[in-house]
Amino acid sequence: MEGDIVTYEYYGSLYINLTNRCDCRCVFCIRDEEDSALGGLWLKEEPRKERVLEEILAQDLSPYGEIVFCGYGEPTCRVDDLLWICDQLKASKRPDLPPIRLNTNGHGSFIHHRNIAPELAGRLDAVSVSLNGSNAEEYVRLTRPASGEKAWDAMLDFVREAVKYVPKVAMTIVDYDKTPEEIAACRHLAESLGASFRVRPYG
């Protein structure tokens, strides 16, 4: 675990790598590539929450636009540790602490059999949810969740709840095999749920 990358800089933000675990196998994800293609982000062992906090607080945070929970796994697989880290960061009263964002597939409530959205209040400043399709069939085709269409419903339910508790909620798609009509339909769905919408470039 000594050589594992727990925090890393990406596009001006500090990213937090909590886990490799994920309940999806998205067709555009490189999780199954060789180690060399993963940029050292594949964890040999999940880092202890105390180590994650220590590594964040040891840094000058002023250059970063955000702290982002995101790696090759789904961060909410460790939602209790994630929330603990957020609490400790907020309690630190660091003047250089930037906003905190979660990048998620939106399955956290489904995974843990409880509505986690209320627990995000006051802890997260933003949530970005992977949408990737305007309907269940397209979503399952691209995301390949272990639970099939149940994951689609769980993701939508999570967004409906998250907008009640988190100041900024966005839904995103990867520009992979997407027609303009499909992108427009995804935008309409996101906005109908009260979230903003963003297209992420593929590759």
Protein backbone atom coordinates (compact mmCIF):
# COMPACT_ATOMS: atom_id res chain seq x y z
CA MET A 1 0.00 0.00 0.00
CA GLU A 2 2.98 2.27 0.53
CA GLY A 3 3.18 3.18 -3.15
CA ASP A 4 -0.56 3.66 -3.68
CA ILE A 5 -1.70 7.05 -4.95
CA VAL A 6 -4.32 8.35 -2.54
CA THR A 7 -4.47 12.00 -3.62
CA TYR A 8 -3.63 13.37 -7.03
CA GLU A 9 -3.95 16.62 -8.94
CA TYR A 10 -6.18 16.72 -11.99
CA TYR A 11 -7.30 19.81 -13.90
CA GLY A 12 -6.63 22.14 -10.99
CA SER A 13 -8.42 20.07 -8.34
CA LEU A 14 -7.23 17.64 -5.68
CA TYR A 15 -8.71 14.19 -6.27
CA ILE A 16 -9.20 11.56 -3.56
CA ASN A 17 -8.76 7.89 -4.49
CA LEU A 18 -10.67 5.81 -1.92
CA THR A 19 -11.41 2.47 -3.55
CA ASN A 20 -11.25 0.25 -6.63
CA ARG A 21 -14.69 -1.20 -5.90
CA CYS A 22 -17.49 -0.44 -8.34
CA ASP A 23 -20.80 -2.07 -9.20
CA CYS A 24 -20.57 -1.01 -12.85
CA ARG A 25 -18.40 -1.98 -15.82
CA CYS A 26 -18.86 0.99 -18.12
CA VAL A 27 -17.85 0.28 -21.72
CA PHE A 28 -15.70 3.43 -21.84
CA CYS A 29 -13.91 2.83 -18.51
CA ILE A 30 -10.28 1.66 -18.51
CA ARG A 31 -10.52 -0.20 -15.19
CA ASP A 32 -9.70 -3.48 -16.93
CA GLU A 33 -6.64 -2.18 -18.74
CA GLU A 34 -3.06 -3.06 -17.84
CA ASP A 35 -1.66 -1.37 -14.72
CA SER A 36 0.47 0.94 -16.85
CA ALA A 37 -2.67 2.40 -18.42
CA LEU A 38 -4.20 3.21 -15.04
CA GLY A 39 -1.61 5.81 -14.13
CA GLY A 40 -0.79 4.18 -10.80
CA LEU A 41 -4.30 4.82 -9.47
CA TRP A 42 -5.23 1.16 -9.01
CA LEU A 43 -5.02 0.61 -5.26
CA LYS A 44 -3.29 -2.46 -3.87
CA GLU A 45 -5.20 -1.83 -0.63
CA GLU A 46 -7.85 0.69 0.36
CA PRO A 47 -6.25 3.48 2.40
CA ARG A 48 -7.37 4.02 5.97
CA LYS A 49 -9.58 7.08 6.38
CA GLU A 50 -7.03 8.57 8.78
CA ARG A 51 -4.30 8.30 6.17
CA VAL A 52 -6.49 9.99 3.58
CA LEU A 53 -7.25 12.88 5.91
CA GLU A 54 -3.62 13.27 6.92
CA GLU A 55 -2.50 13.35 3.29
CA ILE A 56 -5.06 16.01 2.39
CA LEU A 57 -4.29 18.25 5.36
CA ALA A 58 -0.54 17.97 4.79
CA GLN A 59 -0.92 19.90 1.54
CA ASP A 60 -1.32 23.55 0.67
CA LEU A 61 -4.91 23.48 -0.55
CA SER A 62 -5.05 27.04 -1.84
CA PRO A 63 -4.14 26.19 -5.47
CA TYR A 64 -7.06 23.77 -5.84
CA GLY A 65 -10.49 24.70 -7.12
CA GLU A 66 -12.09 21.68 -5.45
CA ILE A 67 -11.44 18.54 -3.47
CA VAL A 68 -13.03 15.71 -5.46
CA PHE A 69 -13.77 12.17 -4.32
CA CYS A 70 -13.08 10.20 -7.50
CA GLY A 71 -10.88 7.29 -8.58
CA TYR A 72 -11.33 4.10 -10.58
CA GLY A 73 -13.87 2.88 -8.05
CA GLU A 74 -17.22 4.19 -6.79
CA PRO A 75 -16.45 6.42 -3.76
CA THR A 76 -19.79 5.76 -2.05
CA CYS A 77 -18.77 2.13 -1.57
CA ARG A 78 -16.98 3.74 1.40
CA VAL A 79 -19.62 6.33 2.17
CA ASP A 80 -19.16 6.29 5.95
CA ASP A 81 -15.42 6.91 5.63
CA LEU A 82 -16.09 9.56 2.98
CA LEU A 83 -18.49 11.40 5.29
CA TRP A 84 -16.04 11.15 8.18
CA ILE A 85 -13.31 12.71 6.04
CA CYS A 86 -15.67 15.53 5.03
CA ASP A 87 -16.54 16.19 8.68
CA GLN A 88 -12.87 16.38 9.65
CA LEU A 89 -12.05 18.69 6.75
CA LYS A 90 -14.90 21.04 7.62
CA ALA A 91 -13.94 20.92 11.31
CA SER A 92 -10.35 21.86 10.48
CA LYS A 93 -11.53 25.41 9.64
CA ARG A 94 -8.70 25.63 7.14
CA PRO A 95 -8.93 28.98 5.34
CA ASP A 96 -7.54 27.32 2.21
CA LEU A 97 -10.16 24.53 2.16
CA PRO A 98 -11.85 24.54 -1.27
CA PRO A 99 -15.35 23.23 -1.99
CA ILE A 100 -15.77 19.44 -1.76
CA ARG A 101 -17.33 17.46 -4.60
CA LEU A 102 -18.33 13.82 -5.02
CA ASN A 103 -18.16 12.11 -8.41
CA THR A 104 -20.52 9.14 -8.25
CA ASN A 105 -22.58 6.70 -10.26
CA GLY A 106 -25.49 7.52 -7.97
CA HIS A 107 -25.86 4.02 -6.56
CA GLY A 108 -24.74 4.76 -3.00
CA SER A 109 -28.22 4.53 -1.47
CA PHE A 110 -28.88 1.29 -3.36
CA ILE A 111 -25.53 -0.19 -2.29
CA HIS A 112 -26.05 0.63 1.40
CA HIS A 113 -29.81 0.01 1.57
CA ARG A 114 -30.48 3.47 2.99
CA ASN A 115 -31.05 6.96 1.64
CA ILE A 116 -27.60 8.54 1.95
CA ALA A 117 -28.60 11.87 0.41
CA PRO A 118 -29.59 13.59 3.70
CA GLU A 119 -26.19 12.64 5.10
CA LEU A 120 -24.48 14.71 2.40
CA ALA A 121 -25.96 17.98 3.69
CA GLY A 122 -23.33 20.35 5.03
CA ARG A 123 -20.59 17.96 4.03
CA LEU A 124 -20.53 18.18 0.25
CA ASP A 125 -20.73 21.35 -1.80
CA ALA A 126 -21.32 19.57 -5.10
CA VAL A 127 -22.22 16.16 -6.50
CA SER A 128 -21.64 14.98 -10.05
CA VAL A 129 -23.67 11.93 -11.09
CA SER A 130 -22.91 9.79 -14.14
CA LEU A 131 -26.05 9.66 -16.29
CA ASN A 132 -24.69 8.28 -19.57
CA GLY A 133 -28.07 7.47 -21.11
CA SER A 134 -31.53 9.04 -21.49
CA ASN A 135 -33.38 5.79 -20.79
CA ALA A 136 -32.89 2.53 -18.92
CA GLU A 137 -31.94 0.50 -21.99
CA GLU A 138 -29.19 2.90 -23.09
CA TYR A 139 -27.96 3.31 -19.53
CA VAL A 140 -27.61 -0.43 -18.96
CA ARG A 141 -25.96 -0.91 -22.37
CA LEU A 142 -23.21 1.60 -21.57
CA THR A 143 -22.89 1.31 -17.80
CA ARG A 144 -23.38 -2.45 -17.40
CA PRO A 145 -24.39 -2.31 -13.71
CA ALA A 146 -24.43 -5.56 -11.76
CA SER A 147 -28.07 -4.97 -10.79
CA GLY A 148 -29.30 -4.13 -14.28
CA GLU A 149 -32.23 -1.73 -14.63
CA LYS A 150 -32.58 -1.44 -10.85
CA ALA A 151 -29.41 0.67 -10.97
CA TRP A 152 -31.06 3.10 -13.40
CA ASP A 153 -33.97 3.67 -11.03
CA ALA A 154 -31.62 3.93 -8.06
CA MET A 155 -29.52 6.57 -9.80
CA LEU A 156 -32.57 8.69 -10.67
CA ASP A 157 -33.92 8.38 -7.12
CA PHE A 158 -30.54 9.46 -5.74
CA VAL A 159 -30.53 12.61 -7.89
CA ARG A 160 -34.08 13.48 -6.85
CA GLU A 161 -32.95 13.29 -3.23
CA ALA A 162 -29.50 14.86 -3.64
CA VAL A 163 -30.88 18.12 -5.06
CA LYS A 164 -32.66 18.62 -1.73
CA TYR A 165 -29.46 18.52 0.29
CA VAL A 166 -26.47 19.52 -1.86
CA PRO A 167 -26.09 23.04 -3.31
CA LYS A 168 -24.84 21.91 -6.72
CA VAL A 169 -25.91 18.67 -8.40
CA ALA A 170 -24.86 17.90 -11.95
CA MET A 171 -25.53 14.94 -14.21
CA THR A 172 -22.93 14.06 -16.79
CA ILE A 173 -22.53 11.88 -19.84
CA VAL A 174 -19.42 10.74 -21.66
CA ASP A 175 -19.42 11.76 -25.32
CA TYR A 176 -19.13 8.14 -26.42
CA ASP A 177 -21.40 6.86 -29.17
CA LYS A 178 -23.84 9.74 -28.60
CA THR A 179 -26.10 11.38 -31.19
CA PRO A 180 -27.15 15.04 -30.80
CA GLU A 181 -30.67 13.78 -30.12
CA GLU A 182 -29.48 11.51 -27.31
CA ILE A 183 -27.45 14.33 -25.77
CA ALA A 184 -30.49 16.60 -25.90
CA ALA A 185 -32.65 13.93 -24.26
CA CYS A 186 -30.06 13.48 -21.48
CA ARG A 187 -29.99 17.23 -20.90
CA HIS A 188 -33.77 17.36 -20.67
CA LEU A 189 -33.81 14.49 -18.15
CA ALA A 190 -31.13 16.07 -15.95
CA GLU A 191 -32.84 19.44 -15.89
CA SER A 192 -36.23 17.84 -15.18
CA LEU A 193 -34.69 16.39 -12.01
CA GLY A 194 -33.36 19.77 -10.91
CA ALA A 195 -29.73 19.06 -11.84
CA SER A 196 -27.42 20.82 -14.25
CA PHE A 197 -25.96 18.93 -17.22
CA ARG A 198 -22.49 18.49 -18.64
CA VAL A 199 -20.94 16.46 -21.45
CA ARG A 200 -17.54 14.96 -20.64
CA PRO A 201 -15.17 14.29 -23.54
CA TYR A 202 -14.30 10.66 -24.21
CA GLY A 203 -10.64 9.69 -24.01
